[in-house]
């Protein structure tokens, strides 16, 4: 098994006078069985049955457990309607990911889009997770930016080097946020390891979400397709942050 190497580039400019802080974060335990609904669960999907939300070129095939959804070129994707979900100032999205091994998706020079968390209101808090050919896996947090090209990036971001990931294995992905308190926090972890980014209160304004989109460019953006080109399985979304699941 390859050892995951993590690197972070975090910068801040302009409007926020206080510098961002970041620190390593690690799950006390990486899930090793299919997700089960708990009190904080607002959405769960195992793809064992036909699923509303898949579009473009897709098929069902081998998953992390049982059956997963494989999103093919050029426009395969999976969208979750978040308008009725109890999400806002705190939340966690976790799922399993496996880019098609033959494309060497964790190592190659292609752009890949993994996740877009779309705000319900214009100018609301949004998250974008993509793979940058040089910077590797990047989670960007913004306040309702207009659609931006992959080469553009906001200041508030976390970046993780993926070149040591095993292309033959499923990887556990987790994105989480807590916009309450004096410090607003955002997390990105892969296979239980990653970083926490914190910014001063007021940097981001909490709000509801319209959709949570997996596997390709955000819907409605005029950018070219940015396919993940691979499989996802076992999506679990909760309305609490990951903070209590981290090692101290």
C-alpha atoms as a PDB file:
ATOM      1  CA  UNK A   1       0.000   0.000   0.000  1.00  0.00           C
ATOM      2  CA  UNK A   2       1.431   3.373  -0.918  1.00  0.00           C
ATOM      3  CA  UNK A   3       1.968   6.024   1.752  1.00  0.00           C
ATOM      4  CA  UNK A   4      -0.091   9.169   1.317  1.00  0.00           C
ATOM      5  CA  UNK A   5       1.965  12.345   1.190  1.00  0.00           C
ATOM      6  CA  UNK A   6       0.162  15.548   2.104  1.00  0.00           C
ATOM      7  CA  UNK A   7       1.117  19.099   1.244  1.00  0.00           C
ATOM      8  CA  UNK A   8      -0.846  22.262   1.888  1.00  0.00           C
ATOM      9  CA  UNK A   9      -0.687  25.649   0.247  1.00  0.00           C
ATOM     10  CA  UNK A  10      -2.851  28.200   2.017  1.00  0.00           C
ATOM     11  CA  UNK A  11      -2.733  31.918   1.324  1.00  0.00           C
ATOM     12  CA  UNK A  12      -4.922  34.914   1.987  1.00  0.00           C
ATOM     13  CA  UNK A  13      -5.038  38.381   0.523  1.00  0.00           C
ATOM     14  CA  UNK A  14      -7.020  41.593   0.524  1.00  0.00           C
ATOM     15  CA  UNK A  15     -10.206  41.752   2.542  1.00  0.00           C
ATOM     16  CA  UNK A  16      -9.390  39.506   5.494  1.00  0.00           C
ATOM     17  CA  UNK A  17      -6.770  41.120   7.668  1.00  0.00           C
ATOM     18  CA  UNK A  18      -6.043  38.060   9.809  1.00  0.00           C
ATOM     19  CA  UNK A  19      -4.018  35.297   8.186  1.00  0.00           C
ATOM     20  CA  UNK A  20      -5.553  31.888   7.728  1.00  0.00           C
ATOM     21  CA  UNK A  21      -4.450  29.079   9.962  1.00  0.00           C
ATOM     22  CA  UNK A  22      -4.110  25.449   9.003  1.00  0.00           C
ATOM     23  CA  UNK A  23      -3.175  22.270  10.755  1.00  0.00           C
ATOM     24  CA  UNK A  24      -3.109  18.542  10.033  1.00  0.00           C
ATOM     25  CA  UNK A  25      -6.307  16.630  10.722  1.00  0.00           C
ATOM     26  CA  UNK A  26      -6.864  12.906  11.032  1.00  0.00           C
ATOM     27  CA  UNK A  27      -9.913  10.724  11.510  1.00  0.00           C
ATOM     28  CA  UNK A  28      -9.886   8.559  14.598  1.00  0.00           C
ATOM     29  CA  UNK A  29     -11.237   5.804  12.354  1.00  0.00           C
ATOM     30  CA  UNK A  30     -11.763   5.515   8.597  1.00  0.00           C
ATOM     31  CA  UNK A  31     -15.113   3.838   7.815  1.00  0.00           C
ATOM     32  CA  UNK A  32     -14.620   0.182   6.940  1.00  0.00           C
ATOM     33  CA  UNK A  33     -18.204  -0.839   6.229  1.00  0.00           C
ATOM     34  CA  UNK A  34     -21.174   0.586   4.335  1.00  0.00           C
ATOM     35  CA  UNK A  35     -22.530   3.805   5.819  1.00  0.00           C
ATOM     36  CA  UNK A  36     -25.541   3.587   8.117  1.00  0.00           C
ATOM     37  CA  UNK A  37     -27.997   6.371   8.848  1.00  0.00           C
ATOM     38  CA  UNK A  38     -27.455   8.094  12.202  1.00  0.00           C
ATOM     39  CA  UNK A  39     -29.217  10.990  13.915  1.00  0.00           C
ATOM     40  CA  UNK A  40     -27.274  13.611  11.938  1.00  0.00           C
ATOM     41  CA  UNK A  41     -27.761  11.902   8.535  1.00  0.00           C
ATOM     42  CA  UNK A  42     -29.656  13.982   5.964  1.00  0.00           C
ATOM     43  CA  UNK A  43     -28.850  11.882   2.864  1.00  0.00           C
ATOM     44  CA  UNK A  44     -27.428   8.428   2.168  1.00  0.00           C
ATOM     45  CA  UNK A  45     -26.908   6.580  -1.123  1.00  0.00           C
ATOM     46  CA  UNK A  46     -25.417   3.121  -1.743  1.00  0.00           C
ATOM     47  CA  UNK A  47     -26.297   2.725  -5.476  1.00  0.00           C
ATOM     48  CA  UNK A  48     -27.605  -0.783  -4.908  1.00  0.00           C
ATOM     49  CA  UNK A  49     -30.763   0.234  -6.776  1.00  0.00           C
ATOM     50  CA  UNK A  50     -31.389   2.587  -9.697  1.00  0.00           C
ATOM     51  CA  UNK A  51     -30.662   6.091  -8.453  1.00  0.00           C
ATOM     52  CA  UNK A  52     -32.280   9.389  -9.358  1.00  0.00           C
ATOM     53  CA  UNK A  53     -29.609  11.971 -10.055  1.00  0.00           C
ATOM     54  CA  UNK A  54     -27.296  10.180 -12.470  1.00  0.00           C
ATOM     55  CA  UNK A  55     -27.049  11.753 -15.923  1.00  0.00           C
ATOM     56  CA  UNK A  56     -24.917  11.768 -19.060  1.00  0.00           C
ATOM     57  CA  UNK A  57     -22.801   8.697 -19.747  1.00  0.00           C
ATOM     58  CA  UNK A  58     -22.964   6.389 -16.738  1.00  0.00           C
ATOM     59  CA  UNK A  59     -23.343   2.756 -15.777  1.00  0.00           C
ATOM     60  CA  UNK A  60     -23.574   0.657 -12.647  1.00  0.00           C
ATOM     61  CA  UNK A  61     -20.685  -1.648 -11.766  1.00  0.00           C
ATOM     62  CA  UNK A  62     -18.383  -2.766  -9.005  1.00  0.00           C
ATOM     63  CA  UNK A  63     -18.438  -0.445  -5.990  1.00  0.00           C
ATOM     64  CA  UNK A  64     -16.543  -0.187  -2.740  1.00  0.00           C
ATOM     65  CA  UNK A  65     -19.207  -2.465  -1.349  1.00  0.00           C
ATOM     66  CA  UNK A  66     -21.611  -4.123  -3.743  1.00  0.00           C
ATOM     67  CA  UNK A  67     -22.657  -1.891  -6.640  1.00  0.00           C
ATOM     68  CA  UNK A  68     -21.326   1.591  -7.408  1.00  0.00           C
ATOM     69  CA  UNK A  69     -21.984   4.282 -10.007  1.00  0.00           C
ATOM     70  CA  UNK A  70     -19.413   4.701 -12.785  1.00  0.00           C
ATOM     71  CA  UNK A  71     -19.494   8.049 -14.575  1.00  0.00           C
ATOM     72  CA  UNK A  72     -18.022   7.872 -18.068  1.00  0.00           C
ATOM     73  CA  UNK A  73     -16.708  10.430 -20.566  1.00  0.00           C
ATOM     74  CA  UNK A  74     -17.545  13.093 -21.371  1.00  0.00           C
ATOM     75  CA  UNK A  75     -20.534  14.122 -19.272  1.00  0.00           C
ATOM     76  CA  UNK A  76     -21.249  11.459 -16.654  1.00  0.00           C
ATOM     77  CA  UNK A  77     -22.234  12.954 -13.289  1.00  0.00           C
ATOM     78  CA  UNK A  78     -24.380  12.481 -10.176  1.00  0.00           C
ATOM     79  CA  UNK A  79     -26.383  15.310  -8.598  1.00  0.00           C
ATOM     80  CA  UNK A  80     -28.131  15.414  -5.228  1.00  0.00           C
ATOM     81  CA  UNK A  81     -31.039  17.819  -4.747  1.00  0.00           C
ATOM     82  CA  UNK A  82     -30.027  19.576  -1.513  1.00  0.00           C
ATOM     83  CA  UNK A  83     -32.949  22.012  -1.375  1.00  0.00           C
ATOM     84  CA  UNK A  84     -34.818  19.864   1.124  1.00  0.00           C
ATOM     85  CA  UNK A  85     -31.825  18.770   3.183  1.00  0.00           C
ATOM     86  CA  UNK A  86     -31.256  20.150   6.670  1.00  0.00           C
ATOM     87  CA  UNK A  87     -27.816  21.582   5.881  1.00  0.00           C
ATOM     88  CA  UNK A  88     -26.358  24.970   6.676  1.00  0.00           C
ATOM     89  CA  UNK A  89     -23.639  26.255   8.975  1.00  0.00           C
ATOM     90  CA  UNK A  90     -22.242  22.768   9.668  1.00  0.00           C
ATOM     91  CA  UNK A  91     -22.062  19.658   7.526  1.00  0.00           C
ATOM     92  CA  UNK A  92     -20.029  16.706   6.282  1.00  0.00           C
ATOM     93  CA  UNK A  93     -20.006  14.967   2.898  1.00  0.00           C
ATOM     94  CA  UNK A  94     -18.137  11.683   2.587  1.00  0.00           C
ATOM     95  CA  UNK A  95     -18.021   9.098  -0.161  1.00  0.00           C
ATOM     96  CA  UNK A  96     -15.763   6.576  -1.867  1.00  0.00           C
ATOM     97  CA  UNK A  97     -13.991   7.401  -5.128  1.00  0.00           C
ATOM     98  CA  UNK A  98     -12.085   5.407  -7.720  1.00  0.00           C
ATOM     99  CA  UNK A  99     -10.995   7.095 -10.964  1.00  0.00           C
ATOM    100  CA  UNK A 100     -10.724   4.569 -13.785  1.00  0.00           C
ATOM    101  CA  UNK A 101      -7.346   2.902 -13.085  1.00  0.00           C
ATOM    102  CA  UNK A 102      -6.187   2.884 -16.710  1.00  0.00           C
ATOM    103  CA  UNK A 103      -6.195   6.699 -16.808  1.00  0.00           C
ATOM    104  CA  UNK A 104      -3.976   6.910 -13.706  1.00  0.00           C
ATOM    105  CA  UNK A 105      -6.274   9.665 -12.490  1.00  0.00           C
ATOM    106  CA  UNK A 106      -4.365  10.494  -9.307  1.00  0.00           C
ATOM    107  CA  UNK A 107      -1.072  10.926 -11.152  1.00  0.00           C
ATOM    108  CA  UNK A 108      -1.753  12.253 -14.639  1.00  0.00           C
ATOM    109  CA  UNK A 109      -1.851  15.828 -15.986  1.00  0.00           C
ATOM    110  CA  UNK A 110      -5.618  16.099 -16.526  1.00  0.00           C
ATOM    111  CA  UNK A 111      -8.125  18.318 -14.728  1.00  0.00           C
ATOM    112  CA  UNK A 112     -10.736  16.336 -12.777  1.00  0.00           C
ATOM    113  CA  UNK A 113     -13.780  17.605 -10.895  1.00  0.00           C
ATOM    114  CA  UNK A 114     -14.969  15.664  -7.842  1.00  0.00           C
ATOM    115  CA  UNK A 115     -17.509  17.831  -5.998  1.00  0.00           C
ATOM    116  CA  UNK A 116     -19.457  21.088  -6.217  1.00  0.00           C
ATOM    117  CA  UNK A 117     -21.585  22.258  -3.289  1.00  0.00           C
ATOM    118  CA  UNK A 118     -23.899  24.887  -4.775  1.00  0.00           C
ATOM    119  CA  UNK A 119     -25.477  27.589  -2.573  1.00  0.00           C
ATOM    120  CA  UNK A 120     -29.229  28.149  -2.690  1.00  0.00           C
ATOM    121  CA  UNK A 121     -28.821  31.917  -2.782  1.00  0.00           C
ATOM    122  CA  UNK A 122     -26.664  33.955  -5.133  1.00  0.00           C
ATOM    123  CA  UNK A 123     -23.420  34.840  -3.397  1.00  0.00           C
ATOM    124  CA  UNK A 124     -23.772  32.065  -0.817  1.00  0.00           C
ATOM    125  CA  UNK A 125     -21.098  29.771   0.630  1.00  0.00           C
ATOM    126  CA  UNK A 126     -19.905  27.141  -1.841  1.00  0.00           C
ATOM    127  CA  UNK A 127     -17.251  24.431  -2.011  1.00  0.00           C
ATOM    128  CA  UNK A 128     -15.399  23.015  -5.019  1.00  0.00           C
ATOM    129  CA  UNK A 129     -13.184  19.938  -4.997  1.00  0.00           C
ATOM    130  CA  UNK A 130     -11.088  19.257  -8.085  1.00  0.00           C
ATOM    131  CA  UNK A 131      -7.755  17.844  -9.080  1.00  0.00           C
ATOM    132  CA  UNK A 132      -5.181  20.344 -10.328  1.00  0.00           C
ATOM    133  CA  UNK A 133      -2.517  18.817 -12.616  1.00  0.00           C
ATOM    134  CA  UNK A 134       0.286  20.454 -10.623  1.00  0.00           C
ATOM    135  CA  UNK A 135      -1.176  21.161  -7.186  1.00  0.00           C
ATOM    136  CA  UNK A 136      -3.090  17.874  -7.043  1.00  0.00           C
ATOM    137  CA  UNK A 137      -6.313  17.642  -5.009  1.00  0.00           C
ATOM    138  CA  UNK A 138      -7.736  21.095  -4.233  1.00  0.00           C
ATOM    139  CA  UNK A 139     -10.708  22.129  -2.085  1.00  0.00           C
ATOM    140  CA  UNK A 140     -11.730  25.763  -2.602  1.00  0.00           C
ATOM    141  CA  UNK A 141     -14.146  27.646  -0.353  1.00  0.00           C
ATOM    142  CA  UNK A 142     -15.796  30.769  -1.789  1.00  0.00           C
ATOM    143  CA  UNK A 143     -18.771  33.068  -1.434  1.00  0.00           C
ATOM    144  CA  UNK A 144     -20.787  32.546  -4.616  1.00  0.00           C
ATOM    145  CA  UNK A 145     -18.097  33.317  -7.163  1.00  0.00           C
ATOM    146  CA  UNK A 146     -19.094  33.435 -10.765  1.00  0.00           C
ATOM    147  CA  UNK A 147     -18.100  30.264 -12.641  1.00  0.00           C
ATOM    148  CA  UNK A 148     -14.324  30.156 -12.817  1.00  0.00           C
ATOM    149  CA  UNK A 149     -11.871  28.292 -14.987  1.00  0.00           C
ATOM    150  CA  UNK A 150      -9.887  25.431 -13.403  1.00  0.00           C
ATOM    151  CA  UNK A 151      -6.670  27.437 -13.647  1.00  0.00           C
ATOM    152  CA  UNK A 152      -8.232  30.134 -11.470  1.00  0.00           C
ATOM    153  CA  UNK A 153      -8.462  29.558  -7.747  1.00  0.00           C
ATOM    154  CA  UNK A 154      -9.618  31.442  -4.655  1.00  0.00           C
ATOM    155  CA  UNK A 155      -7.309  32.238  -1.777  1.00  0.00           C
ATOM    156  CA  UNK A 156      -9.097  30.009   0.723  1.00  0.00           C
ATOM    157  CA  UNK A 157      -8.093  26.505  -0.285  1.00  0.00           C
ATOM    158  CA  UNK A 158      -6.566  23.222   0.837  1.00  0.00           C
ATOM    159  CA  UNK A 159      -4.302  21.203  -1.447  1.00  0.00           C
ATOM    160  CA  UNK A 160      -3.252  17.555  -1.038  1.00  0.00           C
ATOM    161  CA  UNK A 161      -0.676  15.703  -3.097  1.00  0.00           C
ATOM    162  CA  UNK A 162      -2.266  12.579  -4.607  1.00  0.00           C
ATOM    163  CA  UNK A 163       0.715  11.157  -6.481  1.00  0.00           C
ATOM    164  CA  UNK A 164       1.282   8.423  -3.881  1.00  0.00           C
ATOM    165  CA  UNK A 165      -2.277   7.086  -3.958  1.00  0.00           C
ATOM    166  CA  UNK A 166      -2.853   3.538  -5.195  1.00  0.00           C
ATOM    167  CA  UNK A 167      -4.764   3.826  -8.473  1.00  0.00           C
ATOM    168  CA  UNK A 168      -6.200   0.317  -8.047  1.00  0.00           C
ATOM    169  CA  UNK A 169      -7.977   1.065  -4.758  1.00  0.00           C
ATOM    170  CA  UNK A 170     -11.089   2.926  -3.650  1.00  0.00           C
ATOM    171  CA  UNK A 171     -10.307   6.087  -1.674  1.00  0.00           C
ATOM    172  CA  UNK A 172     -12.406   7.540   1.147  1.00  0.00           C
ATOM    173  CA  UNK A 173     -13.072  11.259   0.575  1.00  0.00           C
ATOM    174  CA  UNK A 174     -14.416  13.668   3.186  1.00  0.00           C
ATOM    175  CA  UNK A 175     -15.293  17.362   3.000  1.00  0.00           C
ATOM    176  CA  UNK A 176     -16.657  19.120   6.072  1.00  0.00           C
ATOM    177  CA  UNK A 177     -17.320  22.631   7.366  1.00  0.00           C
ATOM    178  CA  UNK A 178     -18.241  24.510  10.550  1.00  0.00           C
ATOM    179  CA  UNK A 179     -19.035  28.183  10.007  1.00  0.00           C
ATOM    180  CA  UNK A 180     -19.973  28.864  13.639  1.00  0.00           C
ATOM    181  CA  UNK A 181     -17.773  30.324  16.352  1.00  0.00           C
ATOM    182  CA  UNK A 182     -14.870  32.755  16.257  1.00  0.00           C
ATOM    183  CA  UNK A 183     -13.028  30.662  13.711  1.00  0.00           C
ATOM    184  CA  UNK A 184     -14.769  29.168  10.694  1.00  0.00           C
ATOM    185  CA  UNK A 185     -13.314  25.800   9.759  1.00  0.00           C
ATOM    186  CA  UNK A 186     -13.213  23.680   6.606  1.00  0.00           C
ATOM    187  CA  UNK A 187     -11.733  20.183   6.325  1.00  0.00           C
ATOM    188  CA  UNK A 188     -10.481  18.015   3.479  1.00  0.00           C
ATOM    189  CA  UNK A 189      -9.413  14.445   4.245  1.00  0.00           C
ATOM    190  CA  UNK A 190      -8.603  11.498   2.022  1.00  0.00           C
ATOM    191  CA  UNK A 191      -8.343   8.065   3.608  1.00  0.00           C
ATOM    192  CA  UNK A 192      -8.651   9.750   6.985  1.00  0.00           C
ATOM    193  CA  UNK A 193      -5.742  12.176   6.601  1.00  0.00           C
ATOM    194  CA  UNK A 194      -5.751  15.792   5.529  1.00  0.00           C
ATOM    195  CA  UNK A 195      -5.993  19.307   6.854  1.00  0.00           C
ATOM    196  CA  UNK A 196      -8.242  21.759   8.641  1.00  0.00           C
ATOM    197  CA  UNK A 197      -8.336  25.331   7.357  1.00  0.00           C
ATOM    198  CA  UNK A 198      -9.584  28.051   9.696  1.00  0.00           C
ATOM    199  CA  UNK A 199     -10.458  31.667   8.890  1.00  0.00           C
ATOM    200  CA  UNK A 200     -11.902  34.494  11.023  1.00  0.00           C
ATOM    201  CA  UNK A 201     -15.638  34.575  11.701  1.00  0.00           C
ATOM    202  CA  UNK A 202     -17.469  36.466   8.994  1.00  0.00           C
ATOM    203  CA  UNK A 203     -15.259  35.278   6.134  1.00  0.00           C
ATOM    204  CA  UNK A 204     -18.103  33.041   4.971  1.00  0.00           C
ATOM    205  CA  UNK A 205     -21.843  33.538   5.462  1.00  0.00           C
ATOM    206  CA  UNK A 206     -23.753  30.321   6.242  1.00  0.00           C
ATOM    207  CA  UNK A 207     -26.750  29.469   4.087  1.00  0.00           C
ATOM    208  CA  UNK A 208     -28.741  26.664   2.539  1.00  0.00           C
ATOM    209  CA  UNK A 209     -27.659  24.644  -0.498  1.00  0.00           C
ATOM    210  CA  UNK A 210     -29.368  23.967  -3.806  1.00  0.00           C
ATOM    211  CA  UNK A 211     -27.418  20.909  -4.938  1.00  0.00           C
ATOM    212  CA  UNK A 212     -24.405  18.717  -4.259  1.00  0.00           C
ATOM    213  CA  UNK A 213     -22.836  17.578  -7.521  1.00  0.00           C
ATOM    214  CA  UNK A 214     -20.327  14.775  -8.091  1.00  0.00           C
ATOM    215  CA  UNK A 215     -18.027  13.793 -10.910  1.00  0.00           C
ATOM    216  CA  UNK A 216     -17.924  16.637 -13.436  1.00  0.00           C
ATOM    217  CA  UNK A 217     -17.961  20.405 -13.848  1.00  0.00           C
ATOM    218  CA  UNK A 218     -20.732  22.193 -11.945  1.00  0.00           C
ATOM    219  CA  UNK A 219     -24.007  22.179 -13.854  1.00  0.00           C
ATOM    220  CA  UNK A 220     -24.732  25.377 -15.729  1.00  0.00           C
ATOM    221  CA  UNK A 221     -21.100  26.478 -15.925  1.00  0.00           C
ATOM    222  CA  UNK A 222     -19.853  27.312 -19.397  1.00  0.00           C
ATOM    223  CA  UNK A 223     -16.488  25.686 -18.811  1.00  0.00           C
ATOM    224  CA  UNK A 224     -15.659  22.519 -20.781  1.00  0.00           C
ATOM    225  CA  UNK A 225     -16.526  19.178 -19.214  1.00  0.00           C
ATOM    226  CA  UNK A 226     -14.092  18.281 -16.415  1.00  0.00           C
ATOM    227  CA  UNK A 227     -14.920  14.594 -15.841  1.00  0.00           C
ATOM    228  CA  UNK A 228     -13.657  12.598 -12.910  1.00  0.00           C
ATOM    229  CA  UNK A 229     -13.983   9.548 -15.196  1.00  0.00           C
ATOM    230  CA  UNK A 230     -14.512   6.825 -12.635  1.00  0.00           C
ATOM    231  CA  UNK A 231     -16.688   5.358  -9.907  1.00  0.00           C
ATOM    232  CA  UNK A 232     -18.281   6.627  -6.718  1.00  0.00           C
ATOM    233  CA  UNK A 233     -19.999   4.667  -3.983  1.00  0.00           C
ATOM    234  CA  UNK A 234     -21.585   5.060  -0.541  1.00  0.00           C
ATOM    235  CA  UNK A 235     -22.398   8.787  -0.278  1.00  0.00           C
ATOM    236  CA  UNK A 236     -23.225   9.953   3.249  1.00  0.00           C
ATOM    237  CA  UNK A 237     -24.194  13.551   4.084  1.00  0.00           C
ATOM    238  CA  UNK A 238     -24.752  14.768   7.641  1.00  0.00           C
ATOM    239  CA  UNK A 239     -25.585  18.131   9.184  1.00  0.00           C
ATOM    240  CA  UNK A 240     -22.745  18.059  11.712  1.00  0.00           C
ATOM    241  CA  UNK A 241     -19.058  18.725  11.144  1.00  0.00           C
ATOM    242  CA  UNK A 242     -16.344  16.095  11.361  1.00  0.00           C
ATOM    243  CA  UNK A 243     -14.732  17.750  14.400  1.00  0.00           C
ATOM    244  CA  UNK A 244     -15.807  15.152  16.962  1.00  0.00           C
ATOM    245  CA  UNK A 245     -14.500  12.285  14.805  1.00  0.00           C
ATOM    246  CA  UNK A 246     -10.941  13.596  14.694  1.00  0.00           C
ATOM    247  CA  UNK A 247      -8.050  12.447  16.834  1.00  0.00           C
ATOM    248  CA  UNK A 248      -6.971  15.016  19.390  1.00  0.00           C
END
